[in-house]
Amino acid sequence: MPYRVFEEYNIEVTEDIKNQYKEVIQNIGEDVEREGLIKTPERAAKAMQFLTSGYDSDPAEILKGAMFAEDYNDMVIIKDIELYSLCEHHMLPFFGKAHIAYIPNGHIVGLSKIPRIVDVFARRLQVQERLTHDILECIHNTLKPMGVAVVIEASHMCMMMRGVQKQNSVTTTSGFRGQFEKVETRNEFLKLITAKLH
């Protein structure tokens, strides 16, 4: 299925999900018939369907649809890609930024496609470690570059709102393939994503 961008108001609500949210609201002791909650089950169902819409898209096909032959073999970096996902353990959000680089090997990809595959993988129930790996392997296996690097920095509401309640903690995960497994190439990438451009 091709990649689809859609707003919540275009989502056809699944009645089963809507009814299950209604039941949850009732089970926590609320009145689903009071004015502020009448439409909440439908809104929550739309939100959940949007936030998990990544299951409907094939990220490899997104990349394949915008690959171009090009004789360029230096590092390409897309940094500060916003991401929002749901932790699969508590179904609470985690959010942050992804920094991605690849070294072309005969083909480049349209720059917008890298953030799109981040969205596809993020809009699934996830853990940050697997999200990092999914993005890395998709680019590595589809584009077949000389190297690929992914770093994700994220804050997790399951740590901030509950449990240890550490509001200022940030989790960083990384993955490297090919040329980025070499210390000098990896260090160049890490230096570039932390550099402030003037």
Protein backbone atom coordinates (compact mmCIF):
# COMPACT_ATOMS: atom_id res chain seq x y z
CA MET A 1 0.00 0.00 0.00
CA PRO A 2 1.45 3.42 -0.92
CA TYR A 3 2.35 5.88 1.81
CA ARG A 4 -0.67 7.95 2.84
CA VAL A 5 -0.71 11.22 4.72
CA PHE A 6 -4.09 11.94 6.25
CA GLU A 7 -5.64 14.09 8.91
CA GLU A 8 -7.65 12.65 11.77
CA TYR A 9 -10.92 13.97 10.36
CA ASN A 10 -10.45 11.78 7.26
CA ILE A 11 -10.17 8.58 9.28
CA GLU A 12 -13.15 6.26 9.16
CA VAL A 13 -13.67 5.29 12.77
CA THR A 14 -13.66 1.59 13.58
CA GLU A 15 -16.77 1.00 15.67
CA ASP A 16 -15.10 -1.78 17.67
CA ILE A 17 -12.30 0.53 18.80
CA LYS A 18 -14.78 3.30 19.60
CA ASN A 19 -16.90 0.95 21.72
CA GLN A 20 -13.86 -0.41 23.53
CA TYR A 21 -12.80 3.12 24.50
CA LYS A 22 -16.34 3.74 25.75
CA GLU A 23 -16.07 0.64 27.90
CA VAL A 24 -12.69 1.71 29.30
CA ILE A 25 -14.10 5.12 30.25
CA GLN A 26 -17.01 3.45 32.01
CA ASN A 27 -14.70 1.01 33.80
CA ILE A 28 -12.60 3.79 35.32
CA GLY A 29 -15.76 5.20 36.89
CA GLU A 30 -16.70 7.99 34.48
CA ASP A 31 -20.07 8.81 32.97
CA VAL A 32 -19.75 8.40 29.18
CA GLU A 33 -23.03 10.29 28.75
CA ARG A 34 -21.87 13.55 30.27
CA GLU A 35 -21.34 16.37 27.80
CA GLY A 36 -17.55 16.45 27.85
CA LEU A 37 -17.23 12.70 27.22
CA ILE A 38 -19.99 11.95 24.71
CA LYS A 39 -17.65 12.19 21.71
CA THR A 40 -14.49 11.09 23.52
CA PRO A 41 -14.66 7.41 22.47
CA GLU A 42 -14.86 8.44 18.80
CA ARG A 43 -12.07 11.00 19.17
CA ALA A 44 -9.86 8.51 21.00
CA ALA A 45 -10.50 5.86 18.34
CA LYS A 46 -9.55 8.33 15.58
CA ALA A 47 -6.41 9.32 17.46
CA MET A 48 -5.35 5.71 18.02
CA GLN A 49 -5.99 4.78 14.40
CA PHE A 50 -3.91 7.76 13.27
CA LEU A 51 -1.10 7.07 15.73
CA THR A 52 -0.87 3.45 14.56
CA SER A 53 -1.38 4.13 10.84
CA GLY A 54 2.18 3.00 10.10
CA TYR A 55 0.96 -0.59 9.88
CA ASP A 56 -0.79 0.33 6.61
CA SER A 57 2.37 1.43 4.77
CA ASP A 58 5.43 -0.34 3.38
CA PRO A 59 8.50 1.80 4.16
CA ALA A 60 10.69 -0.04 1.64
CA GLU A 61 8.24 0.84 -1.13
CA ILE A 62 8.38 4.48 -0.07
CA LEU A 63 12.15 4.48 -0.61
CA LYS A 64 11.97 2.50 -3.86
CA GLY A 65 9.51 5.02 -5.26
CA ALA A 66 12.08 7.83 -5.08
CA MET A 67 15.48 6.24 -5.81
CA PHE A 68 17.60 7.96 -8.43
CA ALA A 69 20.88 6.91 -10.03
CA GLU A 70 23.51 9.46 -9.02
CA ASP A 71 27.30 9.45 -8.90
CA TYR A 72 27.58 10.91 -5.40
CA ASN A 73 29.40 9.06 -2.65
CA ASP A 74 29.74 11.53 0.21
CA MET A 75 27.70 11.59 3.40
CA VAL A 76 24.06 12.72 3.22
CA ILE A 77 22.57 13.76 6.59
CA ILE A 78 18.99 14.56 7.51
CA LYS A 79 18.95 15.64 11.13
CA ASP A 80 16.40 16.86 13.68
CA ILE A 81 13.56 14.80 12.18
CA GLU A 82 10.66 15.12 14.63
CA LEU A 83 9.12 11.84 15.69
CA TYR A 84 6.18 10.84 17.83
CA SER A 85 5.43 7.25 18.76
CA LEU A 86 3.62 5.08 21.31
CA CYS A 87 5.48 2.92 23.78
CA GLU A 88 4.18 -0.62 23.44
CA HIS A 89 4.50 -1.30 27.17
CA HIS A 90 2.13 1.40 28.45
CA MET A 91 0.75 2.89 25.22
CA LEU A 92 2.00 6.30 26.31
CA PRO A 93 3.79 8.63 23.90
CA PHE A 94 7.50 9.02 23.41
CA PHE A 95 8.81 11.81 21.25
CA GLY A 96 12.04 13.38 20.07
CA LYS A 97 14.31 13.62 17.07
CA ALA A 98 15.98 11.26 14.65
CA HIS A 99 19.29 11.99 12.92
CA ILE A 100 19.95 9.85 9.84
CA ALA A 101 22.85 9.64 7.41
CA TYR A 102 23.77 7.44 4.49
CA ILE A 103 26.63 7.22 2.01
CA PRO A 104 25.21 6.58 -1.48
CA ASN A 105 26.39 3.66 -3.56
CA GLY A 106 25.11 4.59 -7.00
CA HIS A 107 21.67 5.75 -5.87
CA ILE A 108 20.29 8.61 -3.81
CA VAL A 109 16.75 8.90 -2.46
CA GLY A 110 14.38 11.86 -2.39
CA LEU A 111 15.08 13.69 0.85
CA SER A 112 11.45 13.74 2.00
CA LYS A 113 11.34 9.95 1.95
CA ILE A 114 13.67 9.59 4.94
CA PRO A 115 11.32 11.48 7.32
CA ARG A 116 8.41 9.56 5.83
CA ILE A 117 9.85 6.18 6.74
CA VAL A 118 10.57 7.54 10.24
CA ASP A 119 6.85 8.34 10.48
CA VAL A 120 5.80 4.92 9.19
CA PHE A 121 7.85 3.06 11.79
CA ALA A 122 7.02 5.55 14.56
CA ARG A 123 3.27 5.20 13.94
CA ARG A 124 3.27 1.68 15.30
CA LEU A 125 3.47 0.38 18.84
CA GLN A 126 7.20 0.62 19.45
CA VAL A 127 10.18 0.63 21.72
CA GLN A 128 12.91 3.12 20.87
CA GLU A 129 15.52 0.42 20.39
CA ARG A 130 13.46 -1.38 17.74
CA LEU A 131 12.44 1.88 16.09
CA THR A 132 16.13 2.71 15.61
CA HIS A 133 16.84 -0.75 14.22
CA ASP A 134 13.79 -0.73 11.90
CA ILE A 135 14.80 2.56 10.28
CA LEU A 136 18.44 1.49 9.97
CA GLU A 137 17.67 -1.88 8.39
CA CYS A 138 15.07 -0.47 6.00
CA ILE A 139 17.54 2.06 4.55
CA HIS A 140 20.40 -0.46 4.57
CA ASN A 141 18.44 -3.24 2.82
CA THR A 142 16.50 -1.07 0.35
CA LEU A 143 18.93 1.64 -0.72
CA LYS A 144 22.02 -0.56 -0.28
CA PRO A 145 24.30 2.38 0.54
CA MET A 146 27.96 2.14 1.50
CA GLY A 147 26.88 2.99 5.02
CA VAL A 148 23.93 4.16 7.11
CA ALA A 149 23.68 5.70 10.57
CA VAL A 150 20.68 6.39 12.80
CA VAL A 151 20.61 8.22 16.14
CA ILE A 152 17.37 8.82 18.03
CA GLU A 153 16.98 11.05 21.09
CA ALA A 154 13.60 10.79 22.81
CA SER A 155 11.68 11.54 25.97
CA HIS A 156 9.27 8.89 27.25
CA MET A 157 6.04 9.79 28.97
CA CYS A 158 6.02 6.39 30.71
CA MET A 159 9.12 7.60 32.61
CA MET A 160 7.91 11.18 33.01
CA MET A 161 4.27 10.73 34.09
CA ARG A 162 4.45 7.44 36.00
CA GLY A 163 7.01 5.02 37.42
CA VAL A 164 10.24 6.85 38.23
CA GLN A 165 8.73 10.24 37.16
CA LYS A 166 11.98 11.67 35.78
CA GLN A 167 10.82 14.61 33.66
CA ASN A 168 14.21 15.62 32.28
CA SER A 169 15.55 12.26 31.16
CA VAL A 170 16.37 11.67 27.50
CA THR A 171 17.08 8.27 25.95
CA THR A 172 19.57 8.01 23.08
CA THR A 173 19.82 4.99 20.80
CA SER A 174 22.04 4.49 17.77
CA GLY A 175 22.80 2.06 14.98
CA PHE A 176 25.52 1.94 12.34
CA ARG A 177 26.13 -0.14 9.22
CA GLY A 178 28.88 -0.27 6.61
CA GLN A 179 31.25 2.68 6.52
CA PHE A 180 29.75 4.09 9.71
CA GLU A 181 31.15 1.16 11.63
CA LYS A 182 34.55 2.81 11.12
CA VAL A 183 35.38 5.10 14.02
CA GLU A 184 36.43 8.07 11.88
CA THR A 185 33.26 8.03 9.74
CA ARG A 186 31.01 7.57 12.76
CA ASN A 187 32.75 10.40 14.60
CA GLU A 188 32.33 12.72 11.60
CA PHE A 189 28.60 11.99 11.58
CA LEU A 190 28.23 12.50 15.33
CA LYS A 191 30.15 15.77 15.13
CA LEU A 192 27.97 17.03 12.29
CA ILE A 193 24.65 16.25 14.01
CA THR A 194 25.73 18.05 17.17
CA ALA A 195 27.25 21.06 15.35
CA LYS A 196 25.35 24.36 15.39
CA LEU A 197 25.14 25.85 11.93
CA HIS A 198 25.55 29.61 11.66
